[in-house]
Amino acid sequence: IAGSLDARIDIGDIVLATDAMEHD
């Protein structure tokens, strides 16, 4: 599970990674 960073994405929706980065 994850927290949305995009206002278009609602709770329950799915995000499939195109790529990944370490934000910290």
PDB file of all heavy atoms in Angstrom:
ATOM      1  N   ILE A   1       0.836  -1.185   0.000  1.00  0.00           N
ATOM      2  CA  ILE A   1       0.000   0.000   0.000  1.00  0.00           C
ATOM      3  C   ILE A   1       0.874   1.239   0.000  1.00  0.00           C
ATOM      4  O   ILE A   1       2.075   1.173   0.272  1.00  0.00           O
ATOM      5  CB  ILE A   1      -0.965   0.009   1.199  1.00  0.00           C
ATOM      6  CG1 ILE A   1      -0.180  -0.028   2.504  1.00  0.00           C
ATOM      7  CG2 ILE A   1      -1.945  -1.156   1.099  1.00  0.00           C
ATOM      8  CD1 ILE A   1      -1.049   0.059   3.733  1.00  0.00           C
ATOM      9  N   ALA A   2       0.273   2.388  -0.321  1.00  0.00           N
ATOM     10  CA  ALA A   2       1.042   3.620  -0.438  1.00  0.00           C
ATOM     11  C   ALA A   2       0.141   4.826  -0.221  1.00  0.00           C
ATOM     12  O   ALA A   2      -1.084   4.728  -0.256  1.00  0.00           O
ATOM     13  CB  ALA A   2       1.694   3.706  -1.828  1.00  0.00           C
ATOM     14  N   GLY A   3       0.778   5.954  -0.028  1.00  0.00           N
ATOM     15  CA  GLY A   3       0.073   7.225   0.061  1.00  0.00           C
ATOM     16  C   GLY A   3       0.127   7.953  -1.263  1.00  0.00           C
ATOM     17  O   GLY A   3       1.175   8.018  -1.906  1.00  0.00           O
ATOM     18  N   SER A   4      -0.981   8.500  -1.687  1.00  0.00           N
ATOM     19  CA  SER A   4      -1.055   9.191  -2.971  1.00  0.00           C
ATOM     20  C   SER A   4      -0.310  10.525  -2.926  1.00  0.00           C
ATOM     21  O   SER A   4      -0.384  11.268  -1.953  1.00  0.00           O
ATOM     22  CB  SER A   4      -2.517   9.437  -3.341  1.00  0.00           C
ATOM     23  OG  SER A   4      -2.606  10.287  -4.471  1.00  0.00           O
ATOM     24  N   LEU A   5       0.407  10.825  -4.008  1.00  0.00           N
ATOM     25  CA  LEU A   5       1.054  12.125  -4.176  1.00  0.00           C
ATOM     26  C   LEU A   5       0.394  12.936  -5.286  1.00  0.00           C
ATOM     27  O   LEU A   5       0.837  14.032  -5.604  1.00  0.00           O
ATOM     28  CB  LEU A   5       2.546  11.941  -4.509  1.00  0.00           C
ATOM     29  CG  LEU A   5       3.426  11.310  -3.435  1.00  0.00           C
ATOM     30  CD1 LEU A   5       4.837  11.100  -3.969  1.00  0.00           C
ATOM     31  CD2 LEU A   5       3.445  12.156  -2.172  1.00  0.00           C
ATOM     32  N   ASP A   6      -0.648  12.383  -5.868  1.00  0.00           N
ATOM     33  CA  ASP A   6      -1.309  12.987  -7.029  1.00  0.00           C
ATOM     34  C   ASP A   6      -2.805  13.107  -6.718  1.00  0.00           C
ATOM     35  O   ASP A   6      -3.456  12.121  -6.379  1.00  0.00           O
ATOM     36  CB  ASP A   6      -1.085  12.102  -8.257  1.00  0.00           C
ATOM     37  CG  ASP A   6      -1.550  12.730  -9.555  1.00  0.00           C
ATOM     38  OD1 ASP A   6      -2.633  13.351  -9.561  1.00  0.00           O
ATOM     39  OD2 ASP A   6      -0.851  12.595 -10.574  1.00  0.00           O
ATOM     40  N   ALA A   7      -3.334  14.302  -6.853  1.00  0.00           N
ATOM     41  CA  ALA A   7      -4.732  14.559  -6.487  1.00  0.00           C
ATOM     42  C   ALA A   7      -5.716  13.737  -7.311  1.00  0.00           C
ATOM     43  O   ALA A   7      -6.850  13.503  -6.881  1.00  0.00           O
ATOM     44  CB  ALA A   7      -5.043  16.046  -6.649  1.00  0.00           C
ATOM     45  N   ARG A   8      -5.298  13.273  -8.482  1.00  0.00           N
ATOM     46  CA  ARG A   8      -6.193  12.472  -9.318  1.00  0.00           C
ATOM     47  C   ARG A   8      -6.404  11.068  -8.768  1.00  0.00           C
ATOM     48  O   ARG A   8      -7.374  10.395  -9.114  1.00  0.00           O
ATOM     49  CB  ARG A   8      -5.618  12.347 -10.733  1.00  0.00           C
ATOM     50  CG  ARG A   8      -5.462  13.652 -11.489  1.00  0.00           C
ATOM     51  CD  ARG A   8      -4.724  13.396 -12.790  1.00  0.00           C
ATOM     52  NE  ARG A   8      -3.392  12.817 -12.553  1.00  0.00           N
ATOM     53  CZ  ARG A   8      -2.655  12.191 -13.467  1.00  0.00           C
ATOM     54  NH1 ARG A   8      -3.138  12.028 -14.693  1.00  0.00           N
ATOM     55  NH2 ARG A   8      -1.454  11.731 -13.171  1.00  0.00           N
ATOM     56  N   ILE A   9      -5.499  10.610  -7.925  1.00  0.00           N
ATOM     57  CA  ILE A   9      -5.512   9.225  -7.454  1.00  0.00           C
ATOM     58  C   ILE A   9      -6.274   9.134  -6.141  1.00  0.00           C
ATOM     59  O   ILE A   9      -5.894   9.754  -5.149  1.00  0.00           O
ATOM     60  CB  ILE A   9      -4.080   8.697  -7.279  1.00  0.00           C
ATOM     61  CG1 ILE A   9      -3.269   8.915  -8.563  1.00  0.00           C
ATOM     62  CG2 ILE A   9      -4.109   7.221  -6.913  1.00  0.00           C
ATOM     63  CD1 ILE A   9      -1.809   8.542  -8.434  1.00  0.00           C
ATOM     64  N   ASP A  10      -7.342   8.356  -6.133  1.00  0.00           N
ATOM     65  CA  ASP A  10      -8.190   8.220  -4.956  1.00  0.00           C
ATOM     66  C   ASP A  10      -7.781   7.017  -4.113  1.00  0.00           C
ATOM     67  O   ASP A  10      -7.105   6.093  -4.591  1.00  0.00           O
ATOM     68  CB  ASP A  10      -9.656   8.063  -5.373  1.00  0.00           C
ATOM     69  CG  ASP A  10     -10.209   9.319  -6.028  1.00  0.00           C
ATOM     70  OD1 ASP A  10      -9.811  10.416  -5.596  1.00  0.00           O
ATOM     71  OD2 ASP A  10     -11.023   9.182  -6.962  1.00  0.00           O
ATOM     72  N   ILE A  11      -8.226   7.018  -2.881  1.00  0.00           N
ATOM     73  CA  ILE A  11      -8.010   5.876  -2.007  1.00  0.00           C
ATOM     74  C   ILE A  11      -8.676   4.644  -2.623  1.00  0.00           C
ATOM     75  O   ILE A  11      -9.823   4.690  -3.061  1.00  0.00           O
ATOM     76  CB  ILE A  11      -8.573   6.167  -0.604  1.00  0.00           C
ATOM     77  CG1 ILE A  11      -7.729   7.252   0.073  1.00  0.00           C
ATOM     78  CG2 ILE A  11      -8.618   4.906   0.246  1.00  0.00           C
ATOM     79  CD1 ILE A  11      -8.305   7.793   1.351  1.00  0.00           C
ATOM     80  N   GLY A  12      -7.928   3.544  -2.677  1.00  0.00           N
ATOM     81  CA  GLY A  12      -8.406   2.315  -3.303  1.00  0.00           C
ATOM     82  C   GLY A  12      -7.893   2.110  -4.707  1.00  0.00           C
ATOM     83  O   GLY A  12      -7.882   0.976  -5.210  1.00  0.00           O
ATOM     84  N   ASP A  13      -7.478   3.190  -5.380  1.00  0.00           N
ATOM     85  CA  ASP A  13      -6.926   3.064  -6.732  1.00  0.00           C
ATOM     86  C   ASP A  13      -5.565   2.362  -6.693  1.00  0.00           C
ATOM     87  O   ASP A  13      -4.923   2.253  -5.648  1.00  0.00           O
ATOM     88  CB  ASP A  13      -6.768   4.436  -7.383  1.00  0.00           C
ATOM     89  CG  ASP A  13      -8.103   5.058  -7.773  1.00  0.00           C
ATOM     90  OD1 ASP A  13      -9.105   4.324  -7.836  1.00  0.00           O
ATOM     91  OD2 ASP A  13      -8.135   6.287  -8.013  1.00  0.00           O
ATOM     92  N   ILE A  14      -5.116   1.918  -7.867  1.00  0.00           N
ATOM     93  CA  ILE A  14      -3.862   1.191  -8.001  1.00  0.00           C
ATOM     94  C   ILE A  14      -2.853   2.034  -8.785  1.00  0.00           C
ATOM     95  O   ILE A  14      -3.203   2.660  -9.786  1.00  0.00           O
ATOM     96  CB  ILE A  14      -4.073  -0.152  -8.730  1.00  0.00           C
ATOM     97  CG1 ILE A  14      -4.931  -1.107  -7.890  1.00  0.00           C
ATOM     98  CG2 ILE A  14      -2.748  -0.793  -9.124  1.00  0.00           C
ATOM     99  CD1 ILE A  14      -4.197  -1.785  -6.755  1.00  0.00           C
ATOM    100  N   VAL A  15      -1.606   2.018  -8.329  1.00  0.00           N
ATOM    101  CA  VAL A  15      -0.502   2.625  -9.072  1.00  0.00           C
ATOM    102  C   VAL A  15       0.476   1.524  -9.471  1.00  0.00           C
ATOM    103  O   VAL A  15       0.916   0.732  -8.626  1.00  0.00           O
ATOM    104  CB  VAL A  15       0.229   3.692  -8.248  1.00  0.00           C
ATOM    105  CG1 VAL A  15       1.465   4.196  -9.001  1.00  0.00           C
ATOM    106  CG2 VAL A  15      -0.693   4.863  -7.932  1.00  0.00           C
ATOM    107  N   LEU A  16       0.810   1.469 -10.752  1.00  0.00           N
ATOM    108  CA  LEU A  16       1.811   0.547 -11.278  1.00  0.00           C
ATOM    109  C   LEU A  16       3.050   1.360 -11.614  1.00  0.00           C
ATOM    110  O   LEU A  16       2.978   2.355 -12.327  1.00  0.00           O
ATOM    111  CB  LEU A  16       1.288  -0.158 -12.534  1.00  0.00           C
ATOM    112  CG  LEU A  16      -0.059  -0.871 -12.399  1.00  0.00           C
ATOM    113  CD1 LEU A  16      -0.510  -1.406 -13.757  1.00  0.00           C
ATOM    114  CD2 LEU A  16       0.024  -2.011 -11.381  1.00  0.00           C
ATOM    115  N   ALA A  17       4.196   0.931 -11.125  1.00  0.00           N
ATOM    116  CA  ALA A  17       5.419   1.712 -11.295  1.00  0.00           C
ATOM    117  C   ALA A  17       5.920   1.687 -12.726  1.00  0.00           C
ATOM    118  O   ALA A  17       6.029   0.624 -13.338  1.00  0.00           O
ATOM    119  CB  ALA A  17       6.509   1.186 -10.367  1.00  0.00           C
ATOM    120  N   THR A  18       6.218   2.873 -13.240  1.00  0.00           N
ATOM    121  CA  THR A  18       7.018   2.970 -14.462  1.00  0.00           C
ATOM    122  C   THR A  18       8.493   2.981 -14.107  1.00  0.00           C
ATOM    123  O   THR A  18       9.335   2.491 -14.856  1.00  0.00           O
ATOM    124  CB  THR A  18       6.671   4.236 -15.253  1.00  0.00           C
ATOM    125  OG1 THR A  18       6.826   5.382 -14.384  1.00  0.00           O
ATOM    126  CG2 THR A  18       5.257   4.186 -15.774  1.00  0.00           C
ATOM    127  N   ASP A  19       8.797   3.578 -12.951  1.00  0.00           N
ATOM    128  CA  ASP A  19      10.144   3.544 -12.395  1.00  0.00           C
ATOM    129  C   ASP A  19      10.056   3.855 -10.904  1.00  0.00           C
ATOM    130  O   ASP A  19       8.964   4.109 -10.381  1.00  0.00           O
ATOM    131  CB  ASP A  19      11.092   4.510 -13.120  1.00  0.00           C
ATOM    132  CG  ASP A  19      10.634   5.961 -13.085  1.00  0.00           C
ATOM    133  OD1 ASP A  19      10.080   6.406 -12.046  1.00  0.00           O
ATOM    134  OD2 ASP A  19      10.835   6.681 -14.076  1.00  0.00           O
ATOM    135  N   ALA A  20      11.196   3.826 -10.230  1.00  0.00           N
ATOM    136  CA  ALA A  20      11.205   4.067  -8.791  1.00  0.00           C
ATOM    137  C   ALA A  20      12.446   4.843  -8.392  1.00  0.00           C
ATOM    138  O   ALA A  20      13.509   4.715  -9.015  1.00  0.00           O
ATOM    139  CB  ALA A  20      11.156   2.736  -8.029  1.00  0.00           C
ATOM    140  N   MET A  21      12.298   5.666  -7.333  1.00  0.00           N
ATOM    141  CA  MET A  21      13.415   6.417  -6.763  1.00  0.00           C
ATOM    142  C   MET A  21      13.313   6.412  -5.241  1.00  0.00           C
ATOM    143  O   MET A  21      12.224   6.259  -4.681  1.00  0.00           O
ATOM    144  CB  MET A  21      13.424   7.870  -7.256  1.00  0.00           C
ATOM    145  CG  MET A  21      13.837   8.069  -8.693  1.00  0.00           C
ATOM    146  SD  MET A  21      13.998   9.837  -9.100  1.00  0.00           S
ATOM    147  CE  MET A  21      15.515  10.254  -8.197  1.00  0.00           C
ATOM    148  N   GLU A  22      14.457   6.616  -4.578  1.00  0.00           N
ATOM    149  CA  GLU A  22      14.507   6.733  -3.127  1.00  0.00           C
ATOM    150  C   GLU A  22      14.447   8.216  -2.755  1.00  0.00           C
ATOM    151  O   GLU A  22      15.420   8.947  -2.935  1.00  0.00           O
ATOM    152  CB  GLU A  22      15.784   6.092  -2.609  1.00  0.00           C
ATOM    153  CG  GLU A  22      15.887   4.607  -2.926  1.00  0.00           C
ATOM    154  CD  GLU A  22      17.294   4.073  -2.756  1.00  0.00           C
ATOM    155  OE1 GLU A  22      17.803   4.078  -1.616  1.00  0.00           O
ATOM    156  OE2 GLU A  22      17.889   3.667  -3.783  1.00  0.00           O
ATOM    157  N   HIS A  23      13.318   8.650  -2.220  1.00  0.00           N
ATOM    158  CA  HIS A  23      13.148  10.084  -1.964  1.00  0.00           C
ATOM    159  C   HIS A  23      13.967  10.578  -0.780  1.00  0.00           C
ATOM    160  O   HIS A  23      14.216  11.779  -0.644  1.00  0.00           O
ATOM    161  CB  HIS A  23      11.666  10.435  -1.769  1.00  0.00           C
ATOM    162  CG  HIS A  23      11.038   9.928  -0.516  1.00  0.00           C
ATOM    163  ND1 HIS A  23      11.332  10.429   0.726  1.00  0.00           N
ATOM    164  CD2 HIS A  23      10.090   8.962  -0.314  1.00  0.00           C
ATOM    165  CE1 HIS A  23      10.606   9.804   1.642  1.00  0.00           C
ATOM    166  NE2 HIS A  23       9.850   8.898   1.041  1.00  0.00           N
ATOM    167  N   ASP A  24      14.429   9.661   0.070  1.00  0.00           N
ATOM    168  CA  ASP A  24      15.217  10.092   1.232  1.00  0.00           C
ATOM    169  C   ASP A  24      16.723   9.964   1.013  1.00  0.00           C
ATOM    170  O   ASP A  24      17.505  10.169   1.944  1.00  0.00           O
ATOM    171  CB  ASP A  24      14.791   9.318   2.484  1.00  0.00           C
ATOM    172  CG  ASP A  24      14.996   7.808   2.370  1.00  0.00           C
ATOM    173  OD1 ASP A  24      15.268   7.326   1.246  1.00  0.00           O
ATOM    174  OD2 ASP A  24      14.875   7.119   3.394  1.00  0.00           O
TER     175      ASP A  24
END
